[in-house]
Structures are given as C-alpha cells and as structure tokens.
Amino acid sequence: MEQRTIRLVAVGDELLAGHGDPRALGWFGRVLARTQSPDVTLQSFQLAAPREGTEALAQRWFTEAAPRFSETAENRVVISLSDADLDEDLSTARSRLNLANILDAASQNSIKALVVGPPPGLDTQRNARLGELSNAFADVTSRRHHAYVDTFSPLQHHEQWRSDLAANNGAPGQAGHGLIAWLVLHRGWYQWLNVAEPTAG
C-alpha cells in the first residue's frame, strides 16, 4: 500500500497546548500518541493562542496554517474551540458566522476539518450559555459536512471532570485532558483521518 502523508494543523486556545497538564501532553498530545499507523506519516503542527475566541481565530488561522500545508500531502485542520466568545459578548449568530467562515475557507482549500467543541466549566449559568453555543457550533459544522466532537454534553455532569476542574482552579488537569482525548478518539477521530483504530493491548 502506498504511504500516505497527512499534514495536520491544530488551532485553538491554551487547552490545545496542554496547559494545566502536569505531563505536558494535553489532550492533543494524547490523541497523537494513540494515532500510529504503518501506512501513514502524520506530521502535526500546533498553533495555540491564549483565551482565543472565534473572532480572532477566524482572522488568523489560515494565514498561520497555510505555510504548514503541502500540495503533496493530505491537509487537515483540527479546530479546538473555547468558551472565550462568552467573555467577548459575541452573539451566537456572530459566533456561528465566524466558525462558518473558518470552515468555508477550509473547504475552499480542500482541507478536511475536525471541530472540537468547548468543554464545560463549573458555573451553572455560564454552562447554560455555553451549551447553546456548543449546539450552534455543532450545527454549523454538520451543515458544512465537517466532523464535530461534542465535549460539552458528555462532560457537563461527569464527576471526574468536575472534580478535576475543582482541584485545578477551574481548568482541566491530567484527568481532564485525558477525558477530552478519550472523547476525540472515540467520536470519529480515526474515521476522519481514515486510519485504522489501534487494537486494545
């Protein structure tokens, strides 16, 4: 079988960079560590920015990602979304438009996107708003035929997730990053890359 080369660029906030994880892997590092295939060369590039919302992400992502892509590789982008739009008082409609612009640019450049939605926090009122935003992000992504991983719904009432946030000043630590990685790996990651899922061992 011919060797495939995948150029994988990941954009998002500090969670993407593994902040809060004492192992310094983050959820993205854990996902990459579980993505081994003899038929695929996976070249990953991480472009994280602190507390980044969709407005800033839409403005910068392609300019920064484009030099990492290659005409001779399969080009893909992981978009890790945060809750920062809530702090910037963006309307849901504006957040939807920003993500739509990101995904439309990806489609126009033949880049397959996987969107990882924002995980929940501990504030109930904030989570109510974030849940609506996560649903909006999922809708925009599915309408454009890209892949979406919902982290909000499965983690909102997850005991280990909540206790990890409480122990780390509201941010995920080692356990939290592990939970996000598990969701990404088991909610379509291998299918999106078109690589075989490793057998349990």
N, C-alpha and C. Protein backbone atom coordinates (compact mmCIF):
# COMPACT_ATOMS: atom_id res chain seq x y z
N MET A 1 0.84 -1.19 0.00
CA MET A 1 0.00 0.00 0.00
C MET A 1 0.88 1.25 0.00
N GLU A 2 0.47 2.25 -0.79
CA GLU A 2 1.25 3.48 -0.89
C GLU A 2 1.19 4.25 0.43
N GLN A 3 2.33 4.78 0.83
CA GLN A 3 2.41 5.54 2.08
C GLN A 3 1.66 6.87 1.93
N ARG A 4 0.82 7.15 2.90
CA ARG A 4 0.10 8.43 2.93
C ARG A 4 0.82 9.40 3.87
N THR A 5 0.81 10.67 3.50
CA THR A 5 1.34 11.71 4.37
C THR A 5 0.21 12.68 4.70
N ILE A 6 -0.02 12.88 5.99
CA ILE A 6 -1.05 13.80 6.44
C ILE A 6 -0.39 14.97 7.14
N ARG A 7 -0.66 16.17 6.67
CA ARG A 7 -0.24 17.38 7.35
C ARG A 7 -1.42 17.83 8.23
N LEU A 8 -1.22 17.81 9.52
CA LEU A 8 -2.29 18.10 10.46
C LEU A 8 -1.94 19.36 11.25
N VAL A 9 -2.71 20.42 11.03
CA VAL A 9 -2.52 21.67 11.76
C VAL A 9 -3.65 21.81 12.77
N ALA A 10 -3.30 22.11 14.01
CA ALA A 10 -4.29 22.28 15.07
C ALA A 10 -4.27 23.72 15.55
N VAL A 11 -5.44 24.35 15.60
CA VAL A 11 -5.55 25.74 16.06
C VAL A 11 -6.56 25.80 17.20
N GLY A 12 -6.32 26.72 18.14
CA GLY A 12 -7.23 26.85 19.27
C GLY A 12 -6.58 27.59 20.42
N ASP A 13 -7.14 27.38 21.62
CA ASP A 13 -6.64 28.12 22.78
C ASP A 13 -5.62 27.31 23.58
N GLU A 14 -5.39 27.73 24.83
CA GLU A 14 -4.31 27.13 25.62
C GLU A 14 -4.55 25.66 25.98
N LEU A 15 -5.80 25.20 25.97
CA LEU A 15 -6.04 23.78 26.24
C LEU A 15 -5.38 22.92 25.18
N LEU A 16 -5.37 23.42 23.95
CA LEU A 16 -4.73 22.70 22.85
C LEU A 16 -3.24 22.51 23.14
N ALA A 17 -2.64 23.50 23.82
CA ALA A 17 -1.21 23.45 24.13
C ALA A 17 -0.92 22.63 25.38
N GLY A 18 -1.95 22.10 26.02
CA GLY A 18 -1.73 21.24 27.17
C GLY A 18 -1.58 21.96 28.49
N HIS A 19 -1.98 23.23 28.56
CA HIS A 19 -1.87 23.97 29.81
C HIS A 19 -2.68 23.28 30.91
N GLY A 20 -2.10 23.17 32.08
CA GLY A 20 -2.77 22.53 33.20
C GLY A 20 -2.44 21.06 33.35
N ASP A 21 -1.82 20.47 32.33
CA ASP A 21 -1.48 19.06 32.36
C ASP A 21 -0.06 18.87 32.88
N PRO A 22 0.13 18.25 34.04
CA PRO A 22 1.49 18.09 34.57
C PRO A 22 2.38 17.22 33.68
N ARG A 23 1.77 16.43 32.81
CA ARG A 23 2.56 15.61 31.88
C ARG A 23 2.92 16.37 30.61
N ALA A 24 2.36 17.58 30.48
CA ALA A 24 2.67 18.47 29.35
C ALA A 24 2.25 17.89 27.99
N LEU A 25 1.36 16.93 28.00
CA LEU A 25 0.87 16.35 26.76
C LEU A 25 -0.41 17.04 26.28
N GLY A 26 -1.28 17.36 27.24
CA GLY A 26 -2.58 17.89 26.86
C GLY A 26 -3.42 16.83 26.18
N TRP A 27 -4.64 17.19 25.84
CA TRP A 27 -5.50 16.20 25.16
C TRP A 27 -4.99 15.92 23.75
N PHE A 28 -4.43 16.95 23.09
CA PHE A 28 -3.99 16.77 21.72
C PHE A 28 -2.78 15.84 21.65
N GLY A 29 -1.84 16.00 22.57
CA GLY A 29 -0.69 15.10 22.61
C GLY A 29 -1.09 13.66 22.86
N ARG A 30 -2.08 13.47 23.72
CA ARG A 30 -2.57 12.11 23.99
C ARG A 30 -3.22 11.49 22.75
N VAL A 31 -3.97 12.32 22.03
CA VAL A 31 -4.61 11.83 20.80
C VAL A 31 -3.55 11.43 19.77
N LEU A 32 -2.55 12.27 19.59
CA LEU A 32 -1.50 11.96 18.62
C LEU A 32 -0.75 10.69 19.01
N ALA A 33 -0.53 10.50 20.31
CA ALA A 33 0.19 9.31 20.77
C ALA A 33 -0.58 8.03 20.46
N ARG A 34 -1.89 8.13 20.32
CA ARG A 34 -2.73 6.97 20.01
C ARG A 34 -3.01 6.85 18.52
N THR A 35 -2.33 7.67 17.71
CA THR A 35 -2.57 7.65 16.27
C THR A 35 -1.33 7.15 15.56
N GLN A 36 -1.15 5.87 15.58
CA GLN A 36 0.01 5.24 14.94
C GLN A 36 -0.49 4.29 13.86
N SER A 37 0.00 4.48 12.65
CA SER A 37 -0.38 3.61 11.54
C SER A 37 0.84 3.39 10.65
N PRO A 38 1.13 2.13 10.29
CA PRO A 38 2.29 1.86 9.44
C PRO A 38 2.15 2.43 8.03
N ASP A 39 0.92 2.75 7.64
CA ASP A 39 0.68 3.23 6.28
C ASP A 39 0.59 4.75 6.19
N VAL A 40 0.72 5.43 7.33
CA VAL A 40 0.52 6.88 7.35
C VAL A 40 1.68 7.58 8.07
N THR A 41 2.20 8.62 7.44
CA THR A 41 3.13 9.53 8.10
C THR A 41 2.33 10.75 8.51
N LEU A 42 2.20 10.95 9.82
CA LEU A 42 1.41 12.06 10.35
C LEU A 42 2.35 13.16 10.82
N GLN A 43 2.26 14.31 10.19
CA GLN A 43 3.08 15.46 10.54
C GLN A 43 2.17 16.52 11.16
N SER A 44 2.34 16.78 12.46
CA SER A 44 1.41 17.68 13.16
C SER A 44 2.09 19.00 13.52
N PHE A 45 1.30 20.06 13.49
CA PHE A 45 1.75 21.41 13.80
C PHE A 45 0.69 22.07 14.68
N GLN A 46 1.11 22.59 15.82
CA GLN A 46 0.18 23.14 16.79
C GLN A 46 0.31 24.66 16.85
N LEU A 47 -0.81 25.35 16.69
CA LEU A 47 -0.83 26.81 16.67
C LEU A 47 -1.85 27.30 17.68
N ALA A 48 -1.47 27.34 18.95
CA ALA A 48 -2.39 27.72 20.02
C ALA A 48 -2.18 29.18 20.42
N ALA A 49 -3.26 29.83 20.86
CA ALA A 49 -3.20 31.20 21.35
C ALA A 49 -4.09 31.31 22.60
N PRO A 50 -3.62 31.95 23.67
CA PRO A 50 -4.37 32.00 24.92
C PRO A 50 -5.71 32.72 24.79
N ARG A 51 -6.74 32.14 25.42
CA ARG A 51 -8.07 32.73 25.51
C ARG A 51 -8.57 33.25 24.18
N GLU A 52 -8.44 32.44 23.17
CA GLU A 52 -8.83 32.87 21.82
C GLU A 52 -10.27 32.49 21.52
N GLY A 53 -11.04 33.48 21.08
CA GLY A 53 -12.40 33.25 20.62
C GLY A 53 -12.45 33.07 19.12
N THR A 54 -13.65 32.90 18.60
CA THR A 54 -13.80 32.62 17.17
C THR A 54 -13.44 33.82 16.30
N GLU A 55 -13.60 35.04 16.86
CA GLU A 55 -13.30 36.24 16.06
C GLU A 55 -11.82 36.28 15.68
N ALA A 56 -10.96 36.14 16.69
CA ALA A 56 -9.52 36.16 16.43
C ALA A 56 -9.08 34.94 15.64
N LEU A 57 -9.67 33.79 15.95
CA LEU A 57 -9.30 32.56 15.26
C LEU A 57 -9.62 32.64 13.77
N ALA A 58 -10.78 33.21 13.45
CA ALA A 58 -11.17 33.34 12.04
C ALA A 58 -10.22 34.25 11.28
N GLN A 59 -9.67 35.24 11.98
CA GLN A 59 -8.78 36.19 11.32
C GLN A 59 -7.39 35.63 11.07
N ARG A 60 -6.92 34.75 11.95
CA ARG A 60 -5.50 34.34 11.86
C ARG A 60 -5.25 32.94 11.33
N TRP A 61 -6.25 32.04 11.44
CA TRP A 61 -5.92 30.62 11.32
C TRP A 61 -5.30 30.27 9.96
N PHE A 62 -5.87 30.76 8.87
CA PHE A 62 -5.38 30.29 7.57
C PHE A 62 -4.01 30.89 7.24
N THR A 63 -3.80 32.15 7.61
CA THR A 63 -2.50 32.78 7.36
C THR A 63 -1.39 32.00 8.05
N GLU A 64 -1.66 31.56 9.30
CA GLU A 64 -0.64 30.84 10.05
C GLU A 64 -0.55 29.37 9.64
N ALA A 65 -1.68 28.79 9.25
CA ALA A 65 -1.69 27.36 8.91
C ALA A 65 -1.15 27.08 7.52
N ALA A 66 -1.40 27.98 6.58
CA ALA A 66 -1.06 27.72 5.18
C ALA A 66 0.39 27.30 4.95
N PRO A 67 1.39 27.93 5.60
CA PRO A 67 2.77 27.50 5.36
C PRO A 67 3.06 26.08 5.82
N ARG A 68 2.18 25.52 6.67
CA ARG A 68 2.40 24.15 7.18
C ARG A 68 1.79 23.10 6.27
N PHE A 69 0.95 23.51 5.34
CA PHE A 69 0.31 22.56 4.44
C PHE A 69 1.22 22.25 3.25
N SER A 70 0.89 21.21 2.52
CA SER A 70 1.71 20.80 1.38
C SER A 70 0.82 20.30 0.25
N GLU A 71 1.21 20.59 -0.96
CA GLU A 71 0.46 20.13 -2.13
C GLU A 71 0.59 18.63 -2.32
N THR A 72 1.60 18.03 -1.69
CA THR A 72 1.83 16.59 -1.86
C THR A 72 1.32 15.77 -0.68
N ALA A 73 0.59 16.42 0.25
CA ALA A 73 0.08 15.72 1.42
C ALA A 73 -1.42 15.91 1.54
N GLU A 74 -2.05 15.11 2.39
CA GLU A 74 -3.45 15.33 2.76
C GLU A 74 -3.45 16.40 3.85
N ASN A 75 -4.11 17.50 3.59
CA ASN A 75 -4.09 18.62 4.53
C ASN A 75 -5.36 18.63 5.39
N ARG A 76 -5.15 18.69 6.71
CA ARG A 76 -6.29 18.66 7.63
C ARG A 76 -6.07 19.66 8.75
N VAL A 77 -7.19 20.13 9.32
CA VAL A 77 -7.11 21.08 10.41
C VAL A 77 -8.01 20.64 11.56
N VAL A 78 -7.46 20.70 12.77
CA VAL A 78 -8.23 20.50 13.99
C VAL A 78 -8.51 21.87 14.57
N ILE A 79 -9.77 22.17 14.82
CA ILE A 79 -10.17 23.46 15.36
C ILE A 79 -10.70 23.23 16.76
N SER A 80 -9.93 23.65 17.75
CA SER A 80 -10.29 23.45 19.15
C SER A 80 -10.92 24.74 19.68
N LEU A 81 -12.24 24.71 19.89
CA LEU A 81 -12.96 25.91 20.28
C LEU A 81 -13.04 26.06 21.80
N SER A 82 -13.03 27.31 22.26
CA SER A 82 -13.08 27.61 23.69
C SER A 82 -14.40 28.30 24.03
N ASP A 83 -14.51 28.72 25.29
CA ASP A 83 -15.69 29.47 25.74
C ASP A 83 -15.45 30.98 25.70
N ALA A 84 -14.36 31.41 25.06
CA ALA A 84 -13.96 32.81 25.11
C ALA A 84 -14.99 33.75 24.48
N ASP A 85 -15.80 33.26 23.54
CA ASP A 85 -16.82 34.11 22.92
C ASP A 85 -17.80 34.65 23.96
N LEU A 86 -18.01 33.91 25.05
CA LEU A 86 -18.91 34.37 26.11
C LEU A 86 -18.34 35.60 26.79
N ASP A 87 -17.03 35.64 26.98
CA ASP A 87 -16.38 36.79 27.62
C ASP A 87 -16.33 38.00 26.69
N GLU A 88 -16.36 37.75 25.40
CA GLU A 88 -16.30 38.85 24.44
C GLU A 88 -17.69 39.36 24.06
N ASP A 89 -18.71 38.76 24.71
CA ASP A 89 -20.12 39.15 24.47
C ASP A 89 -20.52 39.06 23.01
N LEU A 90 -19.98 38.07 22.33
CA LEU A 90 -20.40 37.85 20.94
C LEU A 90 -21.79 37.21 20.92
N SER A 91 -22.59 37.61 19.99
CA SER A 91 -23.88 36.95 19.82
C SER A 91 -23.65 35.55 19.26
N THR A 92 -24.61 34.68 19.49
CA THR A 92 -24.49 33.32 18.93
C THR A 92 -24.41 33.39 17.41
N ALA A 93 -25.15 34.32 16.83
CA ALA A 93 -25.13 34.47 15.36
C ALA A 93 -23.73 34.85 14.88
N ARG A 94 -23.06 35.71 15.63
CA ARG A 94 -21.70 36.13 15.24
C ARG A 94 -20.72 34.97 15.39
N SER A 95 -20.86 34.21 16.48
CA SER A 95 -20.00 33.05 16.68
C SER A 95 -20.20 32.03 15.57
N ARG A 96 -21.45 31.82 15.19
CA ARG A 96 -21.76 30.89 14.08
C ARG A 96 -21.08 31.36 12.79
N LEU A 97 -21.19 32.66 12.52
CA LEU A 97 -20.62 33.21 11.29
C LEU A 97 -19.11 33.04 11.27
N ASN A 98 -18.47 33.30 12.41
CA ASN A 98 -17.01 33.16 12.47
C ASN A 98 -16.58 31.73 12.17
N LEU A 99 -17.26 30.77 12.79
CA LEU A 99 -16.91 29.37 12.53
C LEU A 99 -17.23 29.00 11.08
N ALA A 100 -18.34 29.49 10.57
CA ALA A 100 -18.69 29.22 9.17
C ALA A 100 -17.61 29.73 8.23
N ASN A 101 -17.07 30.92 8.52
CA ASN A 101 -16.02 31.48 7.68
C ASN A 101 -14.75 30.62 7.73
N ILE A 102 -14.43 30.12 8.93
CA ILE A 102 -13.26 29.23 9.07
C ILE A 102 -13.45 27.97 8.24
N LEU A 103 -14.61 27.36 8.37
CA LEU A 103 -14.87 26.09 7.68
C LEU A 103 -15.01 26.28 6.17
N ASP A 104 -15.59 27.40 5.76
CA ASP A 104 -15.70 27.67 4.32
C ASP A 104 -14.32 27.83 3.70
N ALA A 105 -13.43 28.51 4.41
CA ALA A 105 -12.06 28.67 3.90
C ALA A 105 -11.36 27.31 3.81
N ALA A 106 -11.61 26.45 4.80
CA ALA A 106 -11.03 25.11 4.76
C ALA A 106 -11.55 24.34 3.54
N SER A 107 -12.85 24.39 3.33
CA SER A 107 -13.45 23.66 2.19
C SER A 107 -12.91 24.18 0.86
N GLN A 108 -12.80 25.49 0.75
CA GLN A 108 -12.32 26.09 -0.50
C GLN A 108 -10.88 25.69 -0.81
N ASN A 109 -10.14 25.31 0.22
CA ASN A 109 -8.74 24.91 0.03
C ASN A 109 -8.55 23.40 0.19
N SER A 110 -9.66 22.65 0.09
CA SER A 110 -9.63 21.18 0.15
C SER A 110 -8.99 20.66 1.43
N ILE A 111 -9.29 21.34 2.54
CA ILE A 111 -8.77 20.94 3.85
C ILE A 111 -9.91 20.35 4.66
N LYS A 112 -9.77 19.12 5.10
CA LYS A 112 -10.80 18.50 5.93
C LYS A 112 -10.63 18.97 7.37
N ALA A 113 -11.74 19.39 7.97
CA ALA A 113 -11.69 19.95 9.33
C ALA A 113 -12.38 19.03 10.33
N LEU A 114 -11.80 18.99 11.53
CA LEU A 114 -12.44 18.38 12.68
C LEU A 114 -12.53 19.44 13.76
N VAL A 115 -13.76 19.73 14.18
CA VAL A 115 -14.00 20.77 15.18
C VAL A 115 -14.25 20.11 16.53
N VAL A 116 -13.46 20.50 17.52
CA VAL A 116 -13.64 20.01 18.89
C VAL A 116 -14.31 21.12 19.68
N GLY A 117 -15.52 20.86 20.13
CA GLY A 117 -16.31 21.88 20.80
C GLY A 117 -15.78 22.22 22.18
N PRO A 118 -16.24 23.33 22.75
CA PRO A 118 -15.75 23.79 24.05
C PRO A 118 -16.25 22.90 25.19
N PRO A 119 -15.37 22.57 26.13
CA PRO A 119 -15.79 21.76 27.28
C PRO A 119 -16.47 22.64 28.34
N PRO A 120 -17.26 22.04 29.22
CA PRO A 120 -17.97 22.81 30.24
C PRO A 120 -17.06 23.25 31.38
N GLY A 121 -17.53 24.26 32.11
CA GLY A 121 -16.87 24.68 33.34
C GLY A 121 -17.70 24.25 34.54
N LEU A 122 -17.53 24.96 35.65
CA LEU A 122 -18.25 24.62 36.87
C LEU A 122 -19.41 25.57 37.16
N ASP A 123 -19.48 26.69 36.42
CA ASP A 123 -20.52 27.69 36.63
C ASP A 123 -21.79 27.28 35.89
N THR A 124 -22.87 27.05 36.62
CA THR A 124 -24.11 26.55 36.02
C THR A 124 -24.69 27.52 35.01
N GLN A 125 -24.74 28.81 35.36
CA GLN A 125 -25.31 29.79 34.44
C GLN A 125 -24.46 29.94 33.18
N ARG A 126 -23.17 29.95 33.36
CA ARG A 126 -22.28 30.05 32.20
C ARG A 126 -22.42 28.80 31.33
N ASN A 127 -22.54 27.65 31.95
CA ASN A 127 -22.70 26.41 31.19
C ASN A 127 -23.98 26.41 30.36
N ALA A 128 -25.02 27.04 30.87
CA ALA A 128 -26.27 27.11 30.10
C ALA A 128 -26.04 27.85 28.79
N ARG A 129 -25.30 28.96 28.86
CA ARG A 129 -24.96 29.71 27.65
C ARG A 129 -24.00 28.94 26.76
N LEU A 130 -23.05 28.27 27.40
CA LEU A 130 -22.05 27.53 26.64
C LEU A 130 -22.67 26.33 25.93
N GLY A 131 -23.65 25.72 26.56
CA GLY A 131 -24.34 24.59 25.92
C GLY A 131 -25.02 25.02 24.64
N GLU A 132 -25.63 26.20 24.66
CA GLU A 132 -26.27 26.73 23.45
C GLU A 132 -25.23 27.00 22.36
N LEU A 133 -24.09 27.53 22.79
CA LEU A 133 -23.02 27.83 21.84
C LEU A 133 -22.46 26.54 21.23
N SER A 134 -22.29 25.52 22.06
CA SER A 134 -21.79 24.24 21.56
C SER A 134 -22.74 23.65 20.53
N ASN A 135 -24.04 23.74 20.80
CA ASN A 135 -25.03 23.23 19.85
C ASN A 135 -24.97 24.01 18.53
N ALA A 136 -24.75 25.32 18.64
CA ALA A 136 -24.64 26.15 17.43
C ALA A 136 -23.40 25.76 16.62
N PHE A 137 -22.29 25.55 17.31
CA PHE A 137 -21.06 25.13 16.63
C PHE A 137 -21.26 23.78 15.93
N ALA A 138 -21.94 22.86 16.61
CA ALA A 138 -22.19 21.54 16.02
C ALA A 138 -23.04 21.67 14.76
N ASP A 139 -24.04 22.53 14.81
CA ASP A 139 -24.93 22.71 13.67
C ASP A 139 -24.18 23.29 12.47
N VAL A 140 -23.37 24.33 12.70
CA VAL A 140 -22.60 24.94 11.63
C VAL A 140 -21.66 23.92 11.00
N THR A 141 -21.01 23.12 11.84
CA THR A 141 -20.04 22.14 11.35
C THR A 141 -20.71 21.06 10.51
N SER A 142 -21.83 20.54 11.00
CA SER A 142 -22.51 19.46 10.27
C SER A 142 -23.09 19.97 8.95
N ARG A 143 -23.58 21.19 8.94
CA ARG A 143 -24.13 21.77 7.71
C ARG A 143 -23.06 21.88 6.62
N ARG A 144 -21.82 22.01 7.05
CA ARG A 144 -20.73 22.14 6.09
C ARG A 144 -19.98 20.82 5.88
N HIS A 145 -20.55 19.76 6.41
CA HIS A 145 -20.05 18.40 6.18
C HIS A 145 -18.63 18.19 6.68
N HIS A 146 -18.31 18.82 7.81
CA HIS A 146 -17.07 18.54 8.51
C HIS A 146 -17.41 17.77 9.79
N ALA A 147 -16.39 17.32 10.49
CA ALA A 147 -16.59 16.48 11.69
C ALA A 147 -16.63 17.34 12.95
N TYR A 148 -17.52 16.97 13.89
CA TYR A 148 -17.64 17.71 15.15
C TYR A 148 -17.58 16.75 16.32
N VAL A 149 -16.80 17.10 17.34
CA VAL A 149 -16.75 16.33 18.57
C VAL A 149 -17.32 17.19 19.70
N ASP A 150 -18.44 16.75 20.24
CA ASP A 150 -19.09 17.44 21.35
C ASP A 150 -18.41 17.03 22.65
N THR A 151 -17.73 17.97 23.31
CA THR A 151 -17.16 17.66 24.62
C THR A 151 -18.06 18.17 25.74
N PHE A 152 -18.93 19.11 25.42
CA PHE A 152 -19.76 19.74 26.45
C PHE A 152 -20.76 18.76 27.08
N SER A 153 -21.57 18.14 26.23
CA SER A 153 -22.64 17.28 26.75
C SER A 153 -22.14 16.12 27.62
N PRO A 154 -21.15 15.35 27.15
CA PRO A 154 -20.70 14.21 27.96
C PRO A 154 -19.95 14.60 29.23
N LEU A 155 -19.40 15.82 29.29
CA LEU A 155 -18.58 16.20 30.44
C LEU A 155 -19.31 17.10 31.43
N GLN A 156 -20.46 17.65 31.03
CA GLN A 156 -21.14 18.64 31.87
C GLN A 156 -21.41 18.12 33.29
N HIS A 157 -21.84 16.88 33.40
CA HIS A 157 -22.15 16.31 34.72
C HIS A 157 -21.22 15.15 35.08
N HIS A 158 -20.07 15.10 34.40
CA HIS A 158 -19.13 14.00 34.62
C HIS A 158 -18.37 14.25 35.93
N GLU A 159 -18.47 13.34 36.87
CA GLU A 159 -17.92 13.55 38.20
C GLU A 159 -16.40 13.76 38.18
N GLN A 160 -15.68 12.95 37.42
CA GLN A 160 -14.22 13.08 37.38
C GLN A 160 -13.80 14.41 36.74
N TRP A 161 -14.51 14.80 35.70
CA TRP A 161 -14.22 16.07 35.05
C TRP A 161 -14.40 17.23 36.02
N ARG A 162 -15.52 17.23 36.72
CA ARG A 162 -15.83 18.33 37.63
C ARG A 162 -14.86 18.37 38.82
N SER A 163 -14.50 17.22 39.33
CA SER A 163 -13.56 17.20 40.45
C SER A 163 -12.16 17.64 40.00
N ASP A 164 -11.80 17.33 38.76
CA ASP A 164 -10.50 17.76 38.23
C ASP A 164 -10.47 19.28 38.07
N LEU A 165 -11.57 19.86 37.57
CA LEU A 165 -11.65 21.31 37.45
C LEU A 165 -11.56 21.98 38.82
N ALA A 166 -12.28 21.41 39.80
CA ALA A 166 -12.29 21.98 41.14
C ALA A 166 -10.91 21.96 41.78
N ALA A 167 -10.13 20.95 41.45
CA ALA A 167 -8.79 20.81 42.03
C ALA A 167 -7.74 21.65 41.31
N ASN A 168 -8.10 22.22 40.16
CA ASN A 168 -7.12 22.95 39.35
C ASN A 168 -7.61 24.35 38.98
N ASN A 169 -8.30 24.99 39.92
CA ASN A 169 -8.76 26.37 39.71
C ASN A 169 -9.60 26.55 38.46
N GLY A 170 -10.45 25.55 38.18
CA GLY A 170 -11.39 25.66 37.08
C GLY A 170 -10.88 25.22 35.73
N ALA A 171 -9.64 24.76 35.66
CA ALA A 171 -9.06 24.29 34.39
C ALA A 171 -8.79 22.79 34.48
N PRO A 172 -8.85 22.08 33.38
CA PRO A 172 -8.56 20.65 33.42
C PRO A 172 -7.10 20.37 33.72
N GLY A 173 -6.86 19.35 34.51
CA GLY A 173 -5.51 18.86 34.76
C GLY A 173 -5.28 17.59 33.97
N GLN A 174 -4.50 16.69 34.51
CA GLN A 174 -4.17 15.46 33.80
C GLN A 174 -5.42 14.63 33.48
N ALA A 175 -6.30 14.48 34.46
CA ALA A 175 -7.52 13.69 34.24
C ALA A 175 -8.42 14.34 33.20
N GLY A 176 -8.57 15.66 33.29
CA GLY A 176 -9.44 16.37 32.35
C GLY A 176 -8.97 16.27 30.91
N HIS A 177 -7.67 16.46 30.72
CA HIS A 177 -7.13 16.33 29.35
C HIS A 177 -7.31 14.90 28.84
N GLY A 178 -7.17 13.94 29.75
CA GLY A 178 -7.38 12.55 29.36
C GLY A 178 -8.81 12.28 28.91
N LEU A 179 -9.77 12.91 29.58
CA LEU A 179 -11.18 12.73 29.22
C LEU A 179 -11.48 13.35 27.86
N ILE A 180 -10.96 14.55 27.60
CA ILE A 180 -11.16 15.16 26.28
C ILE A 180 -10.54 14.30 25.19
N ALA A 181 -9.33 13.80 25.44
CA ALA A 181 -8.66 12.94 24.46
C ALA A 181 -9.50 11.70 24.17
N TRP A 182 -10.06 11.11 25.22
CA TRP A 182 -10.89 9.90 25.04
C TRP A 182 -12.08 10.20 24.13
N LEU A 183 -12.73 11.34 24.37
CA LEU A 183 -13.88 11.71 23.55
C LEU A 183 -13.48 11.91 22.09
N VAL A 184 -12.38 12.61 21.86
CA VAL A 184 -11.95 12.85 20.48
C VAL A 184 -11.63 11.52 19.79
N LEU A 185 -10.92 10.65 20.49
CA LEU A 185 -10.52 9.37 19.90
C LEU A 185 -11.71 8.47 19.60
N HIS A 186 -12.75 8.56 20.43
CA HIS A 186 -13.88 7.64 20.30
C HIS A 186 -15.11 8.25 19.63
N ARG A 187 -14.96 9.49 19.18
CA ARG A 187 -16.10 10.14 18.50
C ARG A 187 -15.75 10.54 17.07
N GLY A 188 -14.96 9.71 16.40
CA GLY A 188 -14.76 9.91 14.97
C GLY A 188 -13.37 10.26 14.49
N TRP A 189 -12.39 10.29 15.39
CA TRP A 189 -11.03 10.69 15.02
C TRP A 189 -10.43 9.79 13.93
N TYR A 190 -10.48 8.50 14.15
CA TYR A 190 -9.84 7.58 13.21
C TYR A 190 -10.57 7.56 11.87
N GLN A 191 -11.89 7.68 11.92
CA GLN A 191 -12.67 7.73 10.68
C GLN A 191 -12.35 9.00 9.90
N TRP A 192 -12.18 10.10 10.63
CA TRP A 192 -11.87 11.38 9.98
C TRP A 192 -10.52 11.33 9.28
N LEU A 193 -9.55 10.68 9.92
CA LEU A 193 -8.23 10.54 9.32
C LEU A 193 -8.16 9.40 8.31
N ASN A 194 -9.17 8.54 8.35
CA ASN A 194 -9.18 7.33 7.52
C ASN A 194 -7.98 6.45 7.81
N VAL A 195 -7.77 6.22 9.13
CA VAL A 195 -6.74 5.28 9.58
C VAL A 195 -7.38 4.26 10.49
N ALA A 196 -6.75 3.11 10.59
CA ALA A 196 -7.29 2.02 11.40
C ALA A 196 -7.16 2.36 12.89
N GLU A 197 -8.19 2.05 13.65
CA GLU A 197 -8.14 2.24 15.08
C GLU A 197 -7.25 1.16 15.70
N PRO A 198 -6.33 1.54 16.59
CA PRO A 198 -5.45 0.51 17.18
C PRO A 198 -6.23 -0.46 18.03
N THR A 199 -5.80 -1.70 18.01
CA THR A 199 -6.46 -2.71 18.83
C THR A 199 -6.00 -2.56 20.27
N ALA A 200 -6.89 -2.86 21.18
CA ALA A 200 -6.57 -2.76 22.59
C ALA A 200 -5.49 -3.77 22.94
N GLY A 201 -4.52 -3.35 23.72
CA GLY A 201 -3.46 -4.25 24.07
C GLY A 201 -2.86 -3.91 25.42
